[in-house]
């Protein structure tokens, strides 16, 4: 993309708690482009306000948008595509839709023991 000058991802893991902070920064020439973050999983996902819960067997993973305000999460399921490709389970994509002009995205991912 000619307008995208830089895209940088930083991950900060707290080894004591297992909490991970994902920090994505974008730099554009001219008007900012529309940005959408996407995370995929074979595990069930549900959205609760600004957070999503990925449901694991022994732990859940809570994914929350720290920045920017106004982000919106949507879960997309690919059940039909999985069947067509003879895959067991359903691949899901957590789409994090961001306000236009976003240049910083910060997500906090926290493991929750069941």
C-alpha atoms as a PDB file:
ATOM      1  CA  UNK A   1       0.000   0.000   0.000  1.00  0.00           C
ATOM      2  CA  UNK A   2       1.694   3.199  -1.108  1.00  0.00           C
ATOM      3  CA  UNK A   3       0.097   5.287   1.684  1.00  0.00           C
ATOM      4  CA  UNK A   4       1.412   2.961   4.435  1.00  0.00           C
ATOM      5  CA  UNK A   5       4.821   4.232   5.504  1.00  0.00           C
ATOM      6  CA  UNK A   6       5.306   2.036   8.568  1.00  0.00           C
ATOM      7  CA  UNK A   7       3.604  -0.727  10.567  1.00  0.00           C
ATOM      8  CA  UNK A   8       5.205  -1.823  13.830  1.00  0.00           C
ATOM      9  CA  UNK A   9       4.033  -4.478  16.297  1.00  0.00           C
ATOM     10  CA  UNK A  10       5.315  -4.755  19.854  1.00  0.00           C
ATOM     11  CA  UNK A  11       4.415  -7.587  22.219  1.00  0.00           C
ATOM     12  CA  UNK A  12       4.936  -7.226  25.966  1.00  0.00           C
ATOM     13  CA  UNK A  13       4.526 -10.433  27.999  1.00  0.00           C
ATOM     14  CA  UNK A  14       4.280 -10.482  31.787  1.00  0.00           C
ATOM     15  CA  UNK A  15       5.767 -13.902  32.635  1.00  0.00           C
ATOM     16  CA  UNK A  16       4.291 -13.828  36.150  1.00  0.00           C
ATOM     17  CA  UNK A  17       0.659 -13.463  35.020  1.00  0.00           C
ATOM     18  CA  UNK A  18       0.801 -14.574  31.378  1.00  0.00           C
ATOM     19  CA  UNK A  19      -0.803 -11.268  30.351  1.00  0.00           C
ATOM     20  CA  UNK A  20       0.193 -10.076  26.883  1.00  0.00           C
ATOM     21  CA  UNK A  21      -0.127  -6.519  25.573  1.00  0.00           C
ATOM     22  CA  UNK A  22      -0.110  -6.153  21.786  1.00  0.00           C
ATOM     23  CA  UNK A  23       0.745  -2.676  20.514  1.00  0.00           C
ATOM     24  CA  UNK A  24       0.375  -1.935  16.767  1.00  0.00           C
ATOM     25  CA  UNK A  25       1.395   1.446  15.361  1.00  0.00           C
ATOM     26  CA  UNK A  26       0.747   2.637  11.830  1.00  0.00           C
ATOM     27  CA  UNK A  27       2.095   5.626   9.959  1.00  0.00           C
ATOM     28  CA  UNK A  28       0.439   6.848   6.774  1.00  0.00           C
ATOM     29  CA  UNK A  29       1.328   9.369   4.112  1.00  0.00           C
ATOM     30  CA  UNK A  30      -1.634  11.662   3.577  1.00  0.00           C
ATOM     31  CA  UNK A  31      -5.014  10.519   4.856  1.00  0.00           C
ATOM     32  CA  UNK A  32      -4.972   7.490   7.165  1.00  0.00           C
ATOM     33  CA  UNK A  33      -6.289   4.247   5.735  1.00  0.00           C
ATOM     34  CA  UNK A  34      -8.957   2.087   7.357  1.00  0.00           C
ATOM     35  CA  UNK A  35      -7.379  -0.514   9.661  1.00  0.00           C
ATOM     36  CA  UNK A  36      -8.910  -3.746  10.953  1.00  0.00           C
ATOM     37  CA  UNK A  37      -7.128  -6.160  13.280  1.00  0.00           C
ATOM     38  CA  UNK A  38      -7.906  -9.850  12.856  1.00  0.00           C
ATOM     39  CA  UNK A  39      -7.234 -12.821  15.139  1.00  0.00           C
ATOM     40  CA  UNK A  40      -8.153 -16.404  14.187  1.00  0.00           C
ATOM     41  CA  UNK A  41      -8.846 -19.442  16.356  1.00  0.00           C
ATOM     42  CA  UNK A  42     -10.443 -22.891  16.252  1.00  0.00           C
ATOM     43  CA  UNK A  43     -11.816 -22.290  19.764  1.00  0.00           C
ATOM     44  CA  UNK A  44     -15.242 -20.782  20.561  1.00  0.00           C
ATOM     45  CA  UNK A  45     -15.287 -16.978  20.867  1.00  0.00           C
ATOM     46  CA  UNK A  46     -17.882 -14.626  22.331  1.00  0.00           C
ATOM     47  CA  UNK A  47     -17.871 -10.832  22.434  1.00  0.00           C
ATOM     48  CA  UNK A  48     -18.690  -8.934  25.620  1.00  0.00           C
ATOM     49  CA  UNK A  49     -18.627  -5.149  25.078  1.00  0.00           C
ATOM     50  CA  UNK A  50     -15.021  -4.065  24.278  1.00  0.00           C
ATOM     51  CA  UNK A  51     -13.684  -7.536  25.122  1.00  0.00           C
ATOM     52  CA  UNK A  52     -13.824 -10.997  23.603  1.00  0.00           C
ATOM     53  CA  UNK A  53     -13.473 -14.307  25.400  1.00  0.00           C
ATOM     54  CA  UNK A  54     -11.730 -17.203  23.645  1.00  0.00           C
ATOM     55  CA  UNK A  55     -12.942 -20.339  25.434  1.00  0.00           C
ATOM     56  CA  UNK A  56     -10.212 -22.934  25.995  1.00  0.00           C
ATOM     57  CA  UNK A  57     -10.353 -26.266  27.766  1.00  0.00           C
ATOM     58  CA  UNK A  58      -8.476 -25.241  30.926  1.00  0.00           C
ATOM     59  CA  UNK A  59      -8.195 -21.461  30.484  1.00  0.00           C
ATOM     60  CA  UNK A  60     -10.098 -18.724  28.724  1.00  0.00           C
ATOM     61  CA  UNK A  61      -8.329 -15.814  27.059  1.00  0.00           C
ATOM     62  CA  UNK A  62      -9.853 -12.379  27.585  1.00  0.00           C
ATOM     63  CA  UNK A  63      -8.926  -9.970  24.780  1.00  0.00           C
ATOM     64  CA  UNK A  64      -9.734  -6.310  25.455  1.00  0.00           C
ATOM     65  CA  UNK A  65      -9.231  -3.196  23.364  1.00  0.00           C
ATOM     66  CA  UNK A  66      -7.268  -0.685  25.443  1.00  0.00           C
ATOM     67  CA  UNK A  67      -6.918   1.822  22.587  1.00  0.00           C
ATOM     68  CA  UNK A  68      -8.537   3.319  20.548  1.00  0.00           C
ATOM     69  CA  UNK A  69     -11.936   4.261  21.879  1.00  0.00           C
ATOM     70  CA  UNK A  70     -14.722   3.345  19.490  1.00  0.00           C
ATOM     71  CA  UNK A  71     -13.312  -0.009  18.366  1.00  0.00           C
ATOM     72  CA  UNK A  72     -15.897  -2.691  17.635  1.00  0.00           C
ATOM     73  CA  UNK A  73     -15.437  -6.484  17.787  1.00  0.00           C
ATOM     74  CA  UNK A  74     -17.212  -8.963  15.527  1.00  0.00           C
ATOM     75  CA  UNK A  75     -16.843 -12.748  15.359  1.00  0.00           C
ATOM     76  CA  UNK A  76     -16.906 -14.290  11.888  1.00  0.00           C
ATOM     77  CA  UNK A  77     -17.404 -18.076  11.637  1.00  0.00           C
ATOM     78  CA  UNK A  78     -16.198 -20.096   8.681  1.00  0.00           C
ATOM     79  CA  UNK A  79     -18.244 -23.272   9.184  1.00  0.00           C
ATOM     80  CA  UNK A  80     -19.208 -23.766   5.541  1.00  0.00           C
ATOM     81  CA  UNK A  81     -15.648 -23.159   4.357  1.00  0.00           C
ATOM     82  CA  UNK A  82     -14.348 -25.684   6.898  1.00  0.00           C
ATOM     83  CA  UNK A  83     -16.850 -28.300   5.696  1.00  0.00           C
ATOM     84  CA  UNK A  84     -15.956 -27.627   2.064  1.00  0.00           C
ATOM     85  CA  UNK A  85     -12.283 -28.208   2.921  1.00  0.00           C
ATOM     86  CA  UNK A  86     -13.067 -31.324   4.996  1.00  0.00           C
ATOM     87  CA  UNK A  87     -11.857 -29.680   8.221  1.00  0.00           C
ATOM     88  CA  UNK A  88     -13.194 -30.651  11.630  1.00  0.00           C
ATOM     89  CA  UNK A  89     -14.300 -27.787  13.850  1.00  0.00           C
ATOM     90  CA  UNK A  90     -15.077 -24.236  12.879  1.00  0.00           C
ATOM     91  CA  UNK A  91     -12.434 -21.613  12.261  1.00  0.00           C
ATOM     92  CA  UNK A  92     -13.421 -18.247  13.704  1.00  0.00           C
ATOM     93  CA  UNK A  93     -12.012 -14.792  13.084  1.00  0.00           C
ATOM     94  CA  UNK A  94     -12.239 -12.054  15.673  1.00  0.00           C
ATOM     95  CA  UNK A  95     -12.372  -8.849  13.626  1.00  0.00           C
ATOM     96  CA  UNK A  96     -11.527  -5.695  15.556  1.00  0.00           C
ATOM     97  CA  UNK A  97     -12.936  -2.837  13.520  1.00  0.00           C
ATOM     98  CA  UNK A  98     -11.210   0.455  14.250  1.00  0.00           C
ATOM     99  CA  UNK A  99     -12.279   4.070  13.767  1.00  0.00           C
ATOM    100  CA  UNK A 100     -10.928   5.681  10.593  1.00  0.00           C
ATOM    101  CA  UNK A 101      -7.659   7.465  11.218  1.00  0.00           C
ATOM    102  CA  UNK A 102      -6.456   4.997  13.862  1.00  0.00           C
ATOM    103  CA  UNK A 103      -2.679   4.952  14.117  1.00  0.00           C
ATOM    104  CA  UNK A 104      -2.336   3.109  17.455  1.00  0.00           C
ATOM    105  CA  UNK A 105      -4.018  -0.133  18.510  1.00  0.00           C
ATOM    106  CA  UNK A 106      -3.432  -1.650  21.922  1.00  0.00           C
ATOM    107  CA  UNK A 107      -4.932  -4.997  22.974  1.00  0.00           C
ATOM    108  CA  UNK A 108      -4.623  -6.653  26.395  1.00  0.00           C
ATOM    109  CA  UNK A 109      -4.829 -10.456  26.434  1.00  0.00           C
ATOM    110  CA  UNK A 110      -5.327 -12.012  29.860  1.00  0.00           C
ATOM    111  CA  UNK A 111      -5.488 -15.758  30.590  1.00  0.00           C
ATOM    112  CA  UNK A 112      -8.284 -16.747  32.991  1.00  0.00           C
ATOM    113  CA  UNK A 113      -8.047 -20.109  34.735  1.00  0.00           C
ATOM    114  CA  UNK A 114     -11.362 -22.003  34.806  1.00  0.00           C
END
